[in-house]
Amino acid sequence: EAFAQDAIGSFITQDGKIKTYNPGKFELDDL
């Protein structure tokens, strides 16, 4: 769980934004 939280959590800012995620690309893989 720590590995998963570190990996995924490293992308998520305190205000819920996701680094390197571009919603305008509309790629289902990103979900």
All heavy atoms as atom14 arrays in JSON, in Angstrom:
{
  "sequence": "EAFAQDAIGSFITQDGKIKTYNPGKFELDDL",
  "atom14_mask": [
    [1, 1, 1, 1, 1, 1, 1, 1, 1, 0, 0, 0, 0, 0],
    [1, 1, 1, 1, 1, 0, 0, 0, 0, 0, 0, 0, 0, 0],
    [1, 1, 1, 1, 1, 1, 1, 1, 1, 1, 1, 0, 0, 0],
    [1, 1, 1, 1, 1, 0, 0, 0, 0, 0, 0, 0, 0, 0],
    [1, 1, 1, 1, 1, 1, 1, 1, 1, 0, 0, 0, 0, 0],
    [1, 1, 1, 1, 1, 1, 1, 1, 0, 0, 0, 0, 0, 0],
    [1, 1, 1, 1, 1, 0, 0, 0, 0, 0, 0, 0, 0, 0],
    [1, 1, 1, 1, 1, 1, 1, 1, 0, 0, 0, 0, 0, 0],
    [1, 1, 1, 1, 0, 0, 0, 0, 0, 0, 0, 0, 0, 0],
    [1, 1, 1, 1, 1, 1, 0, 0, 0, 0, 0, 0, 0, 0],
    [1, 1, 1, 1, 1, 1, 1, 1, 1, 1, 1, 0, 0, 0],
    [1, 1, 1, 1, 1, 1, 1, 1, 0, 0, 0, 0, 0, 0],
    [1, 1, 1, 1, 1, 1, 1, 0, 0, 0, 0, 0, 0, 0],
    [1, 1, 1, 1, 1, 1, 1, 1, 1, 0, 0, 0, 0, 0],
    [1, 1, 1, 1, 1, 1, 1, 1, 0, 0, 0, 0, 0, 0],
    [1, 1, 1, 1, 0, 0, 0, 0, 0, 0, 0, 0, 0, 0],
    [1, 1, 1, 1, 1, 1, 1, 1, 1, 0, 0, 0, 0, 0],
    [1, 1, 1, 1, 1, 1, 1, 1, 0, 0, 0, 0, 0, 0],
    [1, 1, 1, 1, 1, 1, 1, 1, 1, 0, 0, 0, 0, 0],
    [1, 1, 1, 1, 1, 1, 1, 0, 0, 0, 0, 0, 0, 0],
    [1, 1, 1, 1, 1, 1, 1, 1, 1, 1, 1, 1, 0, 0],
    [1, 1, 1, 1, 1, 1, 1, 1, 0, 0, 0, 0, 0, 0],
    [1, 1, 1, 1, 1, 1, 1, 0, 0, 0, 0, 0, 0, 0],
    [1, 1, 1, 1, 0, 0, 0, 0, 0, 0, 0, 0, 0, 0],
    [1, 1, 1, 1, 1, 1, 1, 1, 1, 0, 0, 0, 0, 0],
    [1, 1, 1, 1, 1, 1, 1, 1, 1, 1, 1, 0, 0, 0],
    [1, 1, 1, 1, 1, 1, 1, 1, 1, 0, 0, 0, 0, 0],
    [1, 1, 1, 1, 1, 1, 1, 1, 0, 0, 0, 0, 0, 0],
    [1, 1, 1, 1, 1, 1, 1, 1, 0, 0, 0, 0, 0, 0],
    [1, 1, 1, 1, 1, 1, 1, 1, 0, 0, 0, 0, 0, 0],
    [1, 1, 1, 1, 1, 1, 1, 1, 0, 0, 0, 0, 0, 0]
  ],
  "atom14_positions": [
    [[0.83, -1.2, 0.0], [0.0, 0.0, 0.0], [0.87, 1.26, 0.0], [0.56, 2.24, -0.68], [-0.94, 0.02, 1.2], [-1.87, 1.22, 1.18], [-2.96, 1.17, 2.24], [-3.28, 0.08, 2.73], [-3.49, 2.24, 2.56], [0.0, 0.0, 0.0], [0.0, 0.0, 0.0], [0.0, 0.0, 0.0], [0.0, 0.0, 0.0], [0.0, 0.0, 0.0]],
    [[1.97, 1.23, 0.73], [2.85, 2.39, 0.79], [3.44, 2.7, -0.6], [3.51, 3.87, -1.0], [3.97, 2.15, 1.79], [0.0, 0.0, 0.0], [0.0, 0.0, 0.0], [0.0, 0.0, 0.0], [0.0, 0.0, 0.0], [0.0, 0.0, 0.0], [0.0, 0.0, 0.0], [0.0, 0.0, 0.0], [0.0, 0.0, 0.0], [0.0, 0.0, 0.0]],
    [[3.84, 1.66, -1.33], [4.38, 1.87, -2.67], [3.33, 2.51, -3.57], [3.6, 3.48, -4.27], [4.86, 0.55, -3.27], [5.6, 0.71, -4.57], [6.97, 0.82, -4.59], [4.91, 0.75, -5.77], [7.66, 0.97, -5.8], [5.57, 0.9, -6.98], [6.95, 1.01, -6.99], [0.0, 0.0, 0.0], [0.0, 0.0, 0.0], [0.0, 0.0, 0.0]],
    [[2.12, 1.97, -3.54], [1.03, 2.5, -4.37], [0.7, 3.95, -3.97], [0.53, 4.81, -4.84], [-0.21, 1.62, -4.23], [0.0, 0.0, 0.0], [0.0, 0.0, 0.0], [0.0, 0.0, 0.0], [0.0, 0.0, 0.0], [0.0, 0.0, 0.0], [0.0, 0.0, 0.0], [0.0, 0.0, 0.0], [0.0, 0.0, 0.0], [0.0, 0.0, 0.0]],
    [[0.63, 4.2, -2.69], [0.31, 5.56, -2.24], [1.42, 6.53, -2.61], [1.15, 7.66, -3.02], [0.06, 5.59, -0.73], [-0.4, 6.96, -0.27], [-0.96, 6.95, 1.13], [-1.38, 5.92, 1.63], [-0.98, 8.1, 1.75], [0.0, 0.0, 0.0], [0.0, 0.0, 0.0], [0.0, 0.0, 0.0], [0.0, 0.0, 0.0], [0.0, 0.0, 0.0]],
    [[2.66, 6.11, -2.48], [3.78, 6.99, -2.86], [3.75, 7.29, -4.36], [3.95, 8.43, -4.77], [5.12, 6.36, -2.49], [5.37, 6.34, -1.0], [4.66, 7.02, -0.24], [6.31, 5.63, -0.57], [0.0, 0.0, 0.0], [0.0, 0.0, 0.0], [0.0, 0.0, 0.0], [0.0, 0.0, 0.0], [0.0, 0.0, 0.0], [0.0, 0.0, 0.0]],
    [[3.54, 6.25, -5.17], [3.55, 6.44, -6.62], [2.39, 7.34, -7.06], [2.61, 8.39, -7.65], [3.49, 5.1, -7.34], [0.0, 0.0, 0.0], [0.0, 0.0, 0.0], [0.0, 0.0, 0.0], [0.0, 0.0, 0.0], [0.0, 0.0, 0.0], [0.0, 0.0, 0.0], [0.0, 0.0, 0.0], [0.0, 0.0, 0.0], [0.0, 0.0, 0.0]],
    [[1.17, 6.95, -6.76], [0.01, 7.73, -7.19], [-0.07, 9.07, -6.46], [-0.32, 10.11, -7.06], [-1.3, 6.92, -7.0], [-1.29, 5.68, -7.9], [-2.53, 7.78, -7.26], [-1.23, 5.96, -9.39], [0.0, 0.0, 0.0], [0.0, 0.0, 0.0], [0.0, 0.0, 0.0], [0.0, 0.0, 0.0], [0.0, 0.0, 0.0], [0.0, 0.0, 0.0]],
    [[0.19, 9.05, -5.16], [0.12, 10.27, -4.37], [1.12, 11.33, -4.79], [0.88, 12.53, -4.6], [0.0, 0.0, 0.0], [0.0, 0.0, 0.0], [0.0, 0.0, 0.0], [0.0, 0.0, 0.0], [0.0, 0.0, 0.0], [0.0, 0.0, 0.0], [0.0, 0.0, 0.0], [0.0, 0.0, 0.0], [0.0, 0.0, 0.0], [0.0, 0.0, 0.0]],
    [[2.24, 10.91, -5.39], [3.26, 11.89, -5.79], [2.76, 12.81, -6.9], [3.28, 13.9, -7.08], [4.54, 11.17, -6.24], [4.35, 10.49, -7.47], [0.0, 0.0, 0.0], [0.0, 0.0, 0.0], [0.0, 0.0, 0.0], [0.0, 0.0, 0.0], [0.0, 0.0, 0.0], [0.0, 0.0, 0.0], [0.0, 0.0, 0.0], [0.0, 0.0, 0.0]],
    [[1.74, 12.38, -7.63], [1.2, 13.17, -8.72], [0.12, 14.15, -8.26], [-0.21, 15.09, -8.98], [0.56, 12.25, -9.78], [1.55, 11.48, -10.59], [1.98, 10.24, -10.17], [2.07, 11.99, -11.76], [2.9, 9.51, -10.9], [2.99, 11.27, -12.5], [3.41, 10.03, -12.07], [0.0, 0.0, 0.0], [0.0, 0.0, 0.0], [0.0, 0.0, 0.0]],
    [[-0.44, 13.92, -7.09], [-1.63, 14.66, -6.68], [-1.27, 15.76, -5.69], [-0.72, 15.5, -4.63], [-2.68, 13.7, -6.08], [-3.05, 12.65, -7.13], [-3.91, 14.46, -5.6], [-3.93, 11.55, -6.63], [0.0, 0.0, 0.0], [0.0, 0.0, 0.0], [0.0, 0.0, 0.0], [0.0, 0.0, 0.0], [0.0, 0.0, 0.0], [0.0, 0.0, 0.0]],
    [[-1.62, 16.99, -6.06], [-1.34, 18.13, -5.2], [-2.38, 18.22, -4.1], [-3.41, 17.53, -4.14], [-1.35, 19.44, -6.03], [-2.67, 19.65, -6.54], [-0.34, 19.39, -7.17], [0.0, 0.0, 0.0], [0.0, 0.0, 0.0], [0.0, 0.0, 0.0], [0.0, 0.0, 0.0], [0.0, 0.0, 0.0], [0.0, 0.0, 0.0], [0.0, 0.0, 0.0]],
    [[-2.16, 19.07, -3.16], [-3.1, 19.23, -2.04], [-4.47, 19.71, -2.5], [-5.48, 19.41, -1.86], [-2.53, 20.18, -0.98], [-1.35, 19.6, -0.22], [-1.69, 18.29, 0.46], [-2.71, 18.14, 1.12], [-0.81, 17.3, 0.31], [0.0, 0.0, 0.0], [0.0, 0.0, 0.0], [0.0, 0.0, 0.0], [0.0, 0.0, 0.0], [0.0, 0.0, 0.0]],
    [[-4.51, 20.43, -3.63], [-5.8, 20.9, -4.13], [-6.41, 19.95, -5.16], [-7.38, 20.29, -5.84], [-5.69, 22.32, -4.68], [-4.73, 22.44, -5.86], [-4.03, 21.45, -6.18], [-4.66, 23.53, -6.45], [0.0, 0.0, 0.0], [0.0, 0.0, 0.0], [0.0, 0.0, 0.0], [0.0, 0.0, 0.0], [0.0, 0.0, 0.0], [0.0, 0.0, 0.0]],
    [[-5.87, 18.73, -5.27], [-6.46, 17.7, -6.11], [-6.06, 17.72, -7.57], [-6.58, 16.92, -8.36], [0.0, 0.0, 0.0], [0.0, 0.0, 0.0], [0.0, 0.0, 0.0], [0.0, 0.0, 0.0], [0.0, 0.0, 0.0], [0.0, 0.0, 0.0], [0.0, 0.0, 0.0], [0.0, 0.0, 0.0], [0.0, 0.0, 0.0], [0.0, 0.0, 0.0]],
    [[-5.16, 18.6, -7.95], [-4.69, 18.6, -9.33], [-3.72, 17.41, -9.51], [-3.08, 16.97, -8.57], [-4.01, 19.91, -9.66], [-5.01, 21.07, -9.72], [-4.37, 22.33, -10.22], [-5.38, 23.42, -10.42], [-6.01, 23.87, -9.23], [0.0, 0.0, 0.0], [0.0, 0.0, 0.0], [0.0, 0.0, 0.0], [0.0, 0.0, 0.0], [0.0, 0.0, 0.0]],
    [[-3.63, 16.93, -10.75], [-2.81, 15.76, -11.04], [-1.72, 16.17, -12.02], [-2.0, 16.55, -13.17], [-3.66, 14.62, -11.63], [-4.8, 14.27, -10.67], [-2.8, 13.4, -11.94], [-5.84, 13.33, -11.26], [0.0, 0.0, 0.0], [0.0, 0.0, 0.0], [0.0, 0.0, 0.0], [0.0, 0.0, 0.0], [0.0, 0.0, 0.0], [0.0, 0.0, 0.0]],
    [[-0.48, 16.06, -11.58], [0.66, 16.43, -12.42], [0.77, 15.47, -13.6], [0.59, 14.27, -13.44], [1.94, 16.43, -11.6], [1.89, 17.47, -10.5], [3.03, 17.31, -9.53], [2.86, 18.33, -8.42], [3.71, 18.09, -7.3], [0.0, 0.0, 0.0], [0.0, 0.0, 0.0], [0.0, 0.0, 0.0], [0.0, 0.0, 0.0], [0.0, 0.0, 0.0]],
    [[1.05, 16.0, -14.75], [1.21, 15.34, -16.06], [-0.11, 14.85, -16.65], [-0.12, 14.35, -17.77], [2.25, 14.19, -16.08], [1.71, 13.01, -15.52], [3.55, 14.59, -15.4], [0.0, 0.0, 0.0], [0.0, 0.0, 0.0], [0.0, 0.0, 0.0], [0.0, 0.0, 0.0], [0.0, 0.0, 0.0], [0.0, 0.0, 0.0], [0.0, 0.0, 0.0]],
    [[-1.23, 15.0, -15.96], [-2.53, 14.61, -16.49], [-3.11, 15.75, -17.3], [-3.16, 16.89, -16.84], [-3.47, 14.24, -15.34], [-4.94, 14.12, -15.71], [-5.38, 13.15, -16.61], [-5.88, 14.98, -15.16], [-6.72, 13.04, -16.93], [-7.23, 14.87, -15.48], [-7.64, 13.9, -16.36], [-8.96, 13.8, -16.68], [0.0, 0.0, 0.0], [0.0, 0.0, 0.0]],
    [[-3.54, 15.47, -18.52], [-4.13, 16.48, -19.39], [-5.54, 16.02, -19.76], [-5.71, 15.2, -20.66], [-3.28, 16.65, -20.65], [-3.85, 17.66, -21.62], [-4.94, 18.2, -21.42], [-3.12, 17.92, -22.68], [0.0, 0.0, 0.0], [0.0, 0.0, 0.0], [0.0, 0.0, 0.0], [0.0, 0.0, 0.0], [0.0, 0.0, 0.0], [0.0, 0.0, 0.0]],
    [[-6.56, 16.54, -19.07], [-7.91, 16.09, -19.36], [-8.37, 16.41, -20.77], [-9.24, 15.73, -21.31], [-8.77, 16.81, -18.32], [-7.94, 17.93, -17.81], [-6.51, 17.55, -18.02], [0.0, 0.0, 0.0], [0.0, 0.0, 0.0], [0.0, 0.0, 0.0], [0.0, 0.0, 0.0], [0.0, 0.0, 0.0], [0.0, 0.0, 0.0], [0.0, 0.0, 0.0]],
    [[-7.77, 17.39, -21.41], [-8.15, 17.76, -22.76], [-7.76, 16.73, -23.81], [-8.25, 16.77, -24.93], [0.0, 0.0, 0.0], [0.0, 0.0, 0.0], [0.0, 0.0, 0.0], [0.0, 0.0, 0.0], [0.0, 0.0, 0.0], [0.0, 0.0, 0.0], [0.0, 0.0, 0.0], [0.0, 0.0, 0.0], [0.0, 0.0, 0.0], [0.0, 0.0, 0.0]],
    [[-6.9, 15.79, -23.46], [-6.54, 14.71, -24.4], [-7.65, 13.66, -24.48], [-7.7, 12.9, -25.44], [-5.23, 14.04, -23.97], [-4.03, 14.92, -24.15], [-2.69, 14.26, -23.91], [-2.65, 13.01, -23.13], [-1.32, 12.49, -22.84], [0.0, 0.0, 0.0], [0.0, 0.0, 0.0], [0.0, 0.0, 0.0], [0.0, 0.0, 0.0], [0.0, 0.0, 0.0]],
    [[-8.49, 13.61, -23.47], [-9.6, 12.66, -23.44], [-9.15, 11.21, -23.69], [-9.72, 10.51, -24.53], [-10.7, 13.05, -24.43], [-11.39, 14.32, -24.06], [-11.14, 15.49, -24.75], [-12.28, 14.35, -23.0], [-11.77, 16.67, -24.4], [-12.93, 15.53, -22.64], [-12.66, 16.69, -23.34], [0.0, 0.0, 0.0], [0.0, 0.0, 0.0], [0.0, 0.0, 0.0]],
    [[-8.13, 10.77, -22.97], [-7.66, 9.4, -23.08], [-8.23, 8.59, -21.92], [-7.95, 8.88, -20.75], [-6.14, 9.35, -23.07], [-5.53, 9.98, -24.3], [-4.02, 9.81, -24.38], [-3.46, 9.01, -23.61], [-3.42, 10.48, -25.23], [0.0, 0.0, 0.0], [0.0, 0.0, 0.0], [0.0, 0.0, 0.0], [0.0, 0.0, 0.0], [0.0, 0.0, 0.0]],
    [[-9.0, 7.58, -22.23], [-9.58, 6.74, -21.17], [-8.48, 6.06, -20.35], [-8.68, 5.8, -19.17], [-10.53, 5.7, -21.75], [-11.87, 6.23, -22.24], [-12.72, 5.08, -22.78], [-12.62, 6.97, -21.15], [0.0, 0.0, 0.0], [0.0, 0.0, 0.0], [0.0, 0.0, 0.0], [0.0, 0.0, 0.0], [0.0, 0.0, 0.0], [0.0, 0.0, 0.0]],
    [[-7.33, 5.79, -20.95], [-6.23, 5.16, -20.21], [-5.84, 5.98, -18.98], [-5.43, 5.43, -17.97], [-5.0, 4.97, -21.1], [-5.17, 3.84, -22.1], [-6.14, 3.06, -21.97], [-4.33, 3.72, -23.0], [0.0, 0.0, 0.0], [0.0, 0.0, 0.0], [0.0, 0.0, 0.0], [0.0, 0.0, 0.0], [0.0, 0.0, 0.0], [0.0, 0.0, 0.0]],
    [[-5.97, 7.29, -19.09], [-5.6, 8.16, -17.96], [-6.52, 7.98, -16.77], [-6.19, 8.38, -15.66], [-5.6, 9.63, -18.39], [-4.44, 9.96, -19.32], [-3.46, 9.19, -19.36], [-4.52, 11.0, -20.0], [0.0, 0.0, 0.0], [0.0, 0.0, 0.0], [0.0, 0.0, 0.0], [0.0, 0.0, 0.0], [0.0, 0.0, 0.0], [0.0, 0.0, 0.0]],
    [[-7.67, 7.4, -17.0], [-8.63, 7.22, -15.9], [-8.34, 5.96, -15.08], [-8.87, 5.81, -13.98], [-10.05, 7.18, -16.44], [-10.5, 8.44, -17.19], [-11.94, 8.28, -17.65], [-10.33, 9.67, -16.33], [0.0, 0.0, 0.0], [0.0, 0.0, 0.0], [0.0, 0.0, 0.0], [0.0, 0.0, 0.0], [0.0, 0.0, 0.0], [0.0, 0.0, 0.0]]
  ]
}
